[in-house]
C-alpha atoms as a PDB file:
ATOM      1  CA  MET A   1       1.875  18.460   8.002  1.00  0.00           C
ATOM      2  CA  ALA A   2      -0.942  17.907  10.482  1.00  0.00           C
ATOM      3  CA  ALA A   3      -0.208  21.276  12.115  1.00  0.00           C
ATOM      4  CA  THR A   4      -1.498  23.172   9.066  1.00  0.00           C
ATOM      5  CA  LEU A   5      -4.927  21.512   9.163  1.00  0.00           C
ATOM      6  CA  THR A   6      -7.958  23.281  10.554  1.00  0.00           C
ATOM      7  CA  ALA A   7     -10.059  21.464  13.125  1.00  0.00           C
ATOM      8  CA  ASN A   8     -12.719  20.945  10.455  1.00  0.00           C
ATOM      9  CA  GLU A   9     -10.217  19.491   7.970  1.00  0.00           C
ATOM     10  CA  GLU A  10      -8.850  17.158  10.618  1.00  0.00           C
ATOM     11  CA  ALA A  11     -12.370  16.036  11.538  1.00  0.00           C
ATOM     12  CA  GLN A  12     -13.144  15.359   7.865  1.00  0.00           C
ATOM     13  CA  LEU A  13      -9.960  13.313   7.484  1.00  0.00           C
ATOM     14  CA  LEU A  14     -10.763  11.281  10.590  1.00  0.00           C
ATOM     15  CA  GLN A  15     -14.242  10.633   9.213  1.00  0.00           C
ATOM     16  CA  THR A  16     -12.718   9.588   5.872  1.00  0.00           C
ATOM     17  CA  ILE A  17     -10.371   7.204   7.670  1.00  0.00           C
ATOM     18  CA  GLU A  18     -13.209   5.672   9.656  1.00  0.00           C
ATOM     19  CA  MET A  19     -15.305   5.149   6.516  1.00  0.00           C
ATOM     20  CA  PHE A  20     -12.496   3.748   4.362  1.00  0.00           C
ATOM     21  CA  GLU A  21     -11.221   1.439   7.115  1.00  0.00           C
ATOM     22  CA  VAL A  22     -14.684  -0.172   7.099  1.00  0.00           C
ATOM     23  CA  ILE A  23     -14.681  -0.420   3.293  1.00  0.00           C
ATOM     24  CA  THR A  24     -11.193  -1.911   3.111  1.00  0.00           C
ATOM     25  CA  GLN A  25     -11.880  -4.412   5.889  1.00  0.00           C
ATOM     26  CA  SER A  26     -14.759  -5.856   3.867  1.00  0.00           C
ATOM     27  CA  GLN A  27     -12.978  -5.402   0.514  1.00  0.00           C
ATOM     28  CA  PRO A  28      -9.248  -5.875   1.178  1.00  0.00           C
ATOM     29  CA  LEU A  29      -8.346  -5.896  -2.537  1.00  0.00           C
ATOM     30  CA  ASP A  30      -9.918  -2.463  -3.163  1.00  0.00           C
ATOM     31  CA  TYR A  31      -6.607  -0.710  -3.730  1.00  0.00           C
ATOM     32  CA  GLN A  32      -8.302   2.556  -4.770  1.00  0.00           C
ATOM     33  CA  SER A  33      -9.983   2.830  -1.369  1.00  0.00           C
ATOM     34  CA  LEU A  34      -6.688   1.891   0.268  1.00  0.00           C
ATOM     35  CA  GLU A  35      -4.996   4.742  -1.636  1.00  0.00           C
ATOM     36  CA  ILE A  36      -7.584   7.199  -0.292  1.00  0.00           C
ATOM     37  CA  LEU A  37      -6.999   5.844   3.197  1.00  0.00           C
ATOM     38  CA  LYS A  38      -3.223   6.181   2.823  1.00  0.00           C
ATOM     39  CA  GLU A  39      -3.587   9.794   1.651  1.00  0.00           C
ATOM     40  CA  ALA A  40      -5.774  10.658   4.653  1.00  0.00           C
ATOM     41  CA  TYR A  41      -3.217   9.172   7.040  1.00  0.00           C
ATOM     42  CA  PHE A  42      -0.457  11.092   5.239  1.00  0.00           C
ATOM     43  CA  LYS A  43      -2.315  14.395   5.588  1.00  0.00           C
ATOM     44  CA  LEU A  44      -2.657  13.743   9.323  1.00  0.00           C
ATOM     45  CA  GLY A  45       1.057  12.958   9.609  1.00  0.00           C
ATOM     46  CA  ARG A  46       0.430   9.385  10.781  1.00  0.00           C
ATOM     47  CA  GLN A  47       3.478   7.749   9.178  1.00  0.00           C
ATOM     48  CA  LYS A  48       3.078   4.296  10.738  1.00  0.00           C
ATOM     49  CA  GLU A  49      -0.426   4.035   9.294  1.00  0.00           C
ATOM     50  CA  VAL A  50       0.815   5.331   5.926  1.00  0.00           C
ATOM     51  CA  VAL A  51       3.388   2.522   5.782  1.00  0.00           C
ATOM     52  CA  ASP A  52       0.930  -0.105   7.014  1.00  0.00           C
ATOM     53  CA  THR A  53      -1.590   0.972   4.379  1.00  0.00           C
ATOM     54  CA  SER A  54       1.102   0.947   1.675  1.00  0.00           C
ATOM     55  CA  LYS A  55       1.843  -2.654   2.622  1.00  0.00           C
ATOM     56  CA  ARG A  56      -1.868  -3.489   2.360  1.00  0.00           C
ATOM     57  CA  ILE A  57      -1.972  -1.868  -1.093  1.00  0.00           C
ATOM     58  CA  ALA A  58       1.054  -3.868  -2.237  1.00  0.00           C
ATOM     59  CA  GLN A  59      -0.467  -7.091  -0.887  1.00  0.00           C
ATOM     60  CA  ALA A  60      -3.688  -6.354  -2.773  1.00  0.00           C
ATOM     61  CA  TYR A  61      -1.715  -5.826  -5.984  1.00  0.00           C
ATOM     62  CA  VAL A  62       0.068  -9.155  -5.478  1.00  0.00           C
ATOM     63  CA  GLN A  63      -3.221 -10.974  -4.960  1.00  0.00           C
ATOM     64  CA  LEU A  64      -4.618  -9.317  -8.090  1.00  0.00           C
ATOM     65  CA  GLY A  65      -1.543 -10.399 -10.075  1.00  0.00           C
ATOM     66  CA  GLN A  66      -0.360  -6.813 -10.601  1.00  0.00           C
ATOM     67  CA  LEU A  67       3.209  -7.532  -9.605  1.00  0.00           C
ATOM     68  CA  SER A  68       4.788  -4.425 -11.128  1.00  0.00           C
ATOM     69  CA  SER A  69       2.385  -2.203  -9.158  1.00  0.00           C
ATOM     70  CA  ALA A  70       3.166  -4.180  -5.998  1.00  0.00           C
ATOM     71  CA  ILE A  71       6.891  -3.740  -6.567  1.00  0.00           C
ATOM     72  CA  LEU A  72       6.480   0.028  -7.011  1.00  0.00           C
ATOM     73  CA  GLU A  73       4.467   0.265  -3.786  1.00  0.00           C
ATOM     74  CA  TYR A  74       7.017  -1.760  -1.819  1.00  0.00           C
ATOM     75  CA  GLU A  75       9.903   0.255  -3.274  1.00  0.00           C
ATOM     76  CA  SER A  76       8.236   3.490  -2.170  1.00  0.00           C
ATOM     77  CA  ILE A  77       8.242   2.122   1.395  1.00  0.00           C
ATOM     78  CA  LEU A  78      11.910   1.126   1.114  1.00  0.00           C
ATOM     79  CA  GLN A  79      12.829   4.685   0.115  1.00  0.00           C
ATOM     80  CA  ARG A  80      11.772   5.803   3.603  1.00  0.00           C
ATOM     81  CA  TYR A  81      12.513   2.604   5.534  1.00  0.00           C
ATOM     82  CA  PRO A  82      15.304   0.747   3.682  1.00  0.00           C
ATOM     83  CA  ASP A  83      15.748  -1.863   6.417  1.00  0.00           C
ATOM     84  CA  ASP A  84      12.092  -2.950   6.665  1.00  0.00           C
ATOM     85  CA  PRO A  85      12.358  -6.767   6.796  1.00  0.00           C
ATOM     86  CA  ASP A  86       8.696  -7.339   5.835  1.00  0.00           C
ATOM     87  CA  VAL A  87       9.091  -5.321   2.660  1.00  0.00           C
ATOM     88  CA  GLN A  88      12.410  -6.936   1.775  1.00  0.00           C
ATOM     89  CA  ALA A  89      10.866 -10.400   2.209  1.00  0.00           C
ATOM     90  CA  ALA A  90       7.797  -9.456   0.179  1.00  0.00           C
ATOM     91  CA  LEU A  91       9.942  -8.129  -2.675  1.00  0.00           C
ATOM     92  CA  ALA A  92      12.028 -11.313  -2.680  1.00  0.00           C
ATOM     93  CA  GLU A  93       8.830 -13.361  -2.855  1.00  0.00           C
ATOM     94  CA  ILE A  94       7.517 -11.288  -5.770  1.00  0.00           C
ATOM     95  CA  GLU A  95      10.811 -11.684  -7.605  1.00  0.00           C
ATOM     96  CA  SER A  96      10.629 -15.448  -7.209  1.00  0.00           C
ATOM     97  CA  LYS A  97       7.023 -15.449  -8.464  1.00  0.00           C
ATOM     98  CA  ALA A  98       7.955 -13.254 -11.417  1.00  0.00           C
ATOM     99  CA  SER A  99      10.889 -15.462 -12.369  1.00  0.00           C
ATOM    100  CA  SER A 100       8.622 -18.520 -12.410  1.00  0.00           C
ATOM    101  CA  PHE A 101       6.368 -17.037 -15.088  1.00  0.00           C
ATOM    102  CA  VAL A 102       6.889 -18.523 -18.535  1.00  0.00           C
ATOM    103  CA  VAL A 103       6.265 -16.247 -21.480  1.00  0.00           C
ATOM    104  CA  PRO A 104       4.096 -18.010 -24.089  1.00  0.00           C
ATOM    105  CA  GLY A 105       6.192 -19.071 -27.055  1.00  0.00           C
ATOM    106  CA  GLU A 106       9.464 -19.115 -25.126  1.00  0.00           C
ATOM    107  CA  VAL A 107      11.438 -22.319 -24.985  1.00  0.00           C
ATOM    108  CA  GLU A 108      12.471 -23.376 -21.501  1.00  0.00           C
END
């Protein structure tokens, strides 16, 4: 995908990455900024950074208690990298957290 970018577009994406890396370092739970960062990496064809940023997004969702969003993010990584041990472990951890939730009004 990076081959279709003009030099100006590539420069803009690199500037976006630089800016949003700073933002997300100081605000690691800002998943919207992380999404922008992931998209910029994707447009540049930098798959390792796309996956790393997806993991950061999923971790932010977990910390914010948005487990279903975290699961979706991790599953999107597994579609490309089904044997990723970090993602498999993170999903197992989320499942154990989710199973420990008690719905109000339910009898244990």
